[in-house]
N, C-alpha and C. Protein backbone atom coordinates (compact mmCIF):
# COMPACT_ATOMS: atom_id res chain seq x y z
N MET A 1 21.74 7.88 -23.20
CA MET A 1 21.19 9.16 -22.66
C MET A 1 19.80 7.72 -23.22
N LYS A 2 18.80 7.17 -22.81
CA LYS A 2 18.04 6.39 -23.61
C LYS A 2 17.83 5.28 -21.83
N LYS A 3 18.69 4.99 -21.38
CA LYS A 3 18.65 4.54 -20.79
C LYS A 3 18.51 4.44 -19.68
N ILE A 4 18.97 6.15 -19.09
CA ILE A 4 18.58 6.83 -18.20
C ILE A 4 17.34 7.50 -17.70
N LEU A 5 16.84 7.56 -19.07
CA LEU A 5 15.65 7.84 -19.01
C LEU A 5 14.51 7.18 -18.95
N ILE A 6 14.69 5.95 -19.63
CA ILE A 6 13.58 5.32 -19.00
C ILE A 6 13.98 4.02 -18.15
N MET A 7 14.92 4.43 -17.13
CA MET A 7 15.35 4.44 -15.43
C MET A 7 14.25 5.51 -14.38
N LEU A 8 14.11 6.62 -15.00
CA LEU A 8 13.91 7.88 -14.67
C LEU A 8 12.54 7.98 -14.35
N ILE A 9 11.66 6.67 -16.01
CA ILE A 9 10.22 6.58 -15.77
C ILE A 9 10.04 4.97 -14.70
N ILE A 10 10.11 4.82 -15.18
CA ILE A 10 10.60 3.58 -14.29
C ILE A 10 10.71 3.97 -12.49
N ALA A 11 11.09 4.15 -12.13
CA ALA A 11 11.61 5.73 -10.90
C ALA A 11 9.96 6.00 -11.04
N GLY A 12 9.53 6.48 -11.60
CA GLY A 12 9.29 7.39 -11.87
C GLY A 12 7.26 6.79 -11.02
N VAL A 13 7.35 6.28 -12.28
CA VAL A 13 5.76 4.98 -11.34
C VAL A 13 6.23 4.67 -10.37
N LEU A 14 7.12 3.43 -9.87
CA LEU A 14 6.79 3.30 -9.04
C LEU A 14 6.57 4.11 -7.84
N ALA A 15 7.74 4.98 -7.90
CA ALA A 15 7.38 6.51 -6.32
C ALA A 15 5.66 6.17 -6.63
N PHE A 16 5.34 6.71 -8.19
CA PHE A 16 3.86 6.49 -7.49
C PHE A 16 2.70 6.08 -7.61
N GLY A 17 3.15 5.44 -7.63
CA GLY A 17 2.44 3.29 -6.85
C GLY A 17 2.52 3.79 -5.33
N ALA A 18 3.41 4.67 -4.62
CA ALA A 18 3.51 3.68 -3.52
C ALA A 18 3.22 4.98 -2.55
N LEU A 19 3.61 6.05 -3.78
CA LEU A 19 2.61 6.91 -2.53
C LEU A 19 0.51 7.04 -2.55
N ASN A 20 -0.11 6.55 -4.12
CA ASN A 20 -1.07 5.69 -4.08
C ASN A 20 -2.18 4.93 -3.35
N TYR A 21 -1.53 3.96 -3.05
CA TYR A 21 -1.61 2.60 -3.04
C TYR A 21 -1.34 1.76 -1.15
N HIS A 22 -1.53 1.45 -0.46
CA HIS A 22 -1.11 0.31 0.48
C HIS A 22 -1.13 -1.08 -0.56
N PHE A 23 -0.02 -1.16 0.06
CA PHE A 23 -0.02 -2.73 -0.87
C PHE A 23 0.00 -4.37 0.82
N ILE A 24 -0.79 -4.85 1.09
CA ILE A 24 -1.24 -5.70 1.90
C ILE A 24 -0.80 -6.78 2.00
N LEU A 25 0.71 -7.66 2.92
CA LEU A 25 0.90 -8.40 2.88
C LEU A 25 -0.38 -9.35 3.58
N MET A 26 -1.55 -10.05 2.63
CA MET A 26 -2.13 -10.71 3.98
C MET A 26 -1.61 -12.30 3.79
N ASP A 27 -2.14 -13.40 4.71
CA ASP A 27 -1.87 -14.25 4.31
C ASP A 27 -1.78 -15.09 3.47
N ARG A 28 -3.01 -15.36 2.40
CA ARG A 28 -2.93 -15.40 1.02
C ARG A 28 -2.48 -14.94 -0.24
N GLY A 29 -1.67 -13.83 0.47
CA GLY A 29 -0.90 -13.37 -0.93
C GLY A 29 -1.37 -11.69 -1.01
N ILE A 30 -0.59 -10.54 -1.20
CA ILE A 30 -0.38 -9.47 -1.22
C ILE A 30 -2.71 -8.52 -1.85
N LYS A 31 -3.25 -8.16 -1.01
CA LYS A 31 -3.99 -6.99 -1.21
C LYS A 31 -3.63 -5.40 -1.50
N VAL A 32 -4.10 -4.67 -2.76
CA VAL A 32 -4.05 -3.48 -3.19
C VAL A 32 -5.26 -2.99 -2.45
N LEU A 33 -4.75 -2.11 -1.60
CA LEU A 33 -6.13 -0.32 -1.42
C LEU A 33 -5.16 0.85 -1.60
N LYS A 34 -6.55 1.67 -2.44
CA LYS A 34 -5.94 3.29 -2.33
C LYS A 34 -6.36 4.49 -1.10
N LYS A 35 -4.90 4.50 -1.43
CA LYS A 35 -4.44 6.44 -0.22
C LYS A 35 -5.77 6.95 -0.63
N VAL A 36 -5.94 7.15 1.08
CA VAL A 36 -6.76 8.33 0.21
C VAL A 36 -5.38 9.51 0.74
N GLU A 37 -4.73 9.22 1.42
CA GLU A 37 -3.36 10.71 1.09
C GLU A 37 -2.31 10.24 0.47
N LEU A 38 -1.85 11.55 -0.34
CA LEU A 38 -0.56 11.01 -1.36
C LEU A 38 0.54 11.39 0.09
N THR A 39 0.74 9.71 0.52
CA THR A 39 1.90 9.94 1.36
C THR A 39 3.53 8.21 1.38
N PHE A 40 4.10 8.16 1.60
CA PHE A 40 5.13 7.10 1.60
C PHE A 40 4.41 6.17 3.04
N ASP A 41 4.00 6.95 3.67
CA ASP A 41 3.44 5.75 5.50
C ASP A 41 2.86 4.87 4.97
N LYS A 42 3.08 4.24 5.57
CA LYS A 42 1.98 2.36 6.05
C LYS A 42 2.38 1.96 4.20
N THR A 43 2.74 1.75 2.96
CA THR A 43 3.17 1.63 1.96
C THR A 43 2.97 0.20 1.98
N PHE A 44 3.95 -0.12 2.94
CA PHE A 44 3.35 -1.36 2.98
C PHE A 44 4.02 -2.18 4.25
N VAL A 45 2.49 -3.88 4.06
CA VAL A 45 2.12 -3.26 5.23
C VAL A 45 1.78 -5.06 5.33
N ASP A 46 2.50 -5.20 6.98
CA ASP A 46 2.54 -6.73 7.02
C ASP A 46 1.05 -7.16 8.03
N ALA A 47 0.22 -7.52 7.24
CA ALA A 47 -0.96 -8.09 8.42
C ALA A 47 -0.96 -10.00 8.43
N ARG A 48 0.40 -10.34 8.37
CA ARG A 48 -0.22 -12.21 8.13
C ARG A 48 -0.11 -12.05 9.94
N GLY A 49 -0.74 -13.22 9.86
CA GLY A 49 -1.16 -14.09 11.38
C GLY A 49 -2.69 -13.22 12.33
N ALA A 50 -1.89 -13.00 13.23
CA ALA A 50 -2.21 -12.14 14.72
C ALA A 50 -2.05 -10.52 14.19
N LYS A 51 -1.17 -10.32 13.27
CA LYS A 51 -1.58 -8.37 12.96
C LYS A 51 -2.76 -8.22 12.16
N LYS A 52 -3.86 -8.25 11.62
CA LYS A 52 -4.63 -8.12 11.24
C LYS A 52 -5.24 -7.20 12.90
N ILE A 53 -5.31 -7.16 13.43
CA ILE A 53 -5.60 -6.14 14.77
C ILE A 53 -5.39 -5.08 14.38
N LYS A 54 -4.18 -4.38 14.16
CA LYS A 54 -2.75 -3.71 14.56
C LYS A 54 -3.64 -2.63 12.82
N LEU A 55 -4.44 -3.27 12.31
CA LEU A 55 -5.40 -2.54 11.16
C LEU A 55 -5.92 -2.14 11.48
N TYR A 56 -7.11 -2.14 12.41
CA TYR A 56 -8.49 -1.73 12.22
C TYR A 56 -8.19 -0.42 13.46
N LEU A 57 -6.62 -0.57 13.87
CA LEU A 57 -5.77 1.09 15.10
C LEU A 57 -5.54 1.60 14.19
N ASP A 58 -5.34 1.54 13.61
CA ASP A 58 -4.61 2.84 12.10
C ASP A 58 -4.87 3.42 11.29
N PRO A 59 -5.50 5.30 11.38
CA PRO A 59 -6.26 5.98 11.59
C PRO A 59 -6.15 5.45 9.66
N SER A 60 -5.10 5.97 9.61
CA SER A 60 -4.67 6.06 8.02
C SER A 60 -4.94 4.77 6.82
N LEU A 61 -5.22 3.63 7.74
CA LEU A 61 -5.71 2.35 6.85
C LEU A 61 -7.06 2.23 6.73
N VAL A 62 -7.88 2.68 8.18
CA VAL A 62 -9.74 2.77 8.11
C VAL A 62 -10.22 3.76 7.55
N LYS A 63 -9.95 4.98 7.63
CA LYS A 63 -10.09 6.01 5.82
C LYS A 63 -9.96 5.53 5.20
N ALA A 64 -8.90 4.94 4.50
CA ALA A 64 -9.37 4.56 2.82
C ALA A 64 -9.65 2.72 2.86
N GLY A 65 -10.67 2.52 3.85
CA GLY A 65 -11.60 1.39 3.97
C GLY A 65 -10.79 0.15 4.19
N VAL A 66 -9.68 -0.47 5.06
CA VAL A 66 -9.33 -1.62 5.09
C VAL A 66 -10.21 -2.99 5.96
N LYS A 67 -11.02 -1.96 6.54
CA LYS A 67 -12.43 -2.70 7.35
C LYS A 67 -12.85 -3.62 5.75
N ASP A 68 -13.48 -2.80 4.66
CA ASP A 68 -14.13 -3.85 3.92
C ASP A 68 -13.23 -4.87 2.98
N LEU A 69 -11.44 -4.10 2.60
CA LEU A 69 -10.83 -5.06 2.48
C LEU A 69 -10.88 -6.73 3.50
N LEU A 70 -10.72 -6.37 4.09
CA LEU A 70 -10.14 -7.65 5.41
C LEU A 70 -11.60 -8.28 5.20
N GLU A 71 -12.79 -7.61 5.45
CA GLU A 71 -13.98 -9.01 5.67
C GLU A 71 -14.24 -10.08 4.02
N ASP A 72 -13.80 -9.58 2.97
CA ASP A 72 -13.41 -9.88 1.77
C ASP A 72 -13.05 -10.86 1.66
């Protein structure tokens, strides 16, 4: 019973993180960006190489502030 409870807590924490943050894979590592809305949409985004331009065209990422993140 204890193992099930621990696994449920871990699953809840992972789901909470997926709902609240964008994880953007960049050329030199992973950047984390806070989401504006609680959705599973665009949780993991690949921005390696020339794919960075597509980030500027996505409204949910622009609202979250991806422009500031990529300028750094």
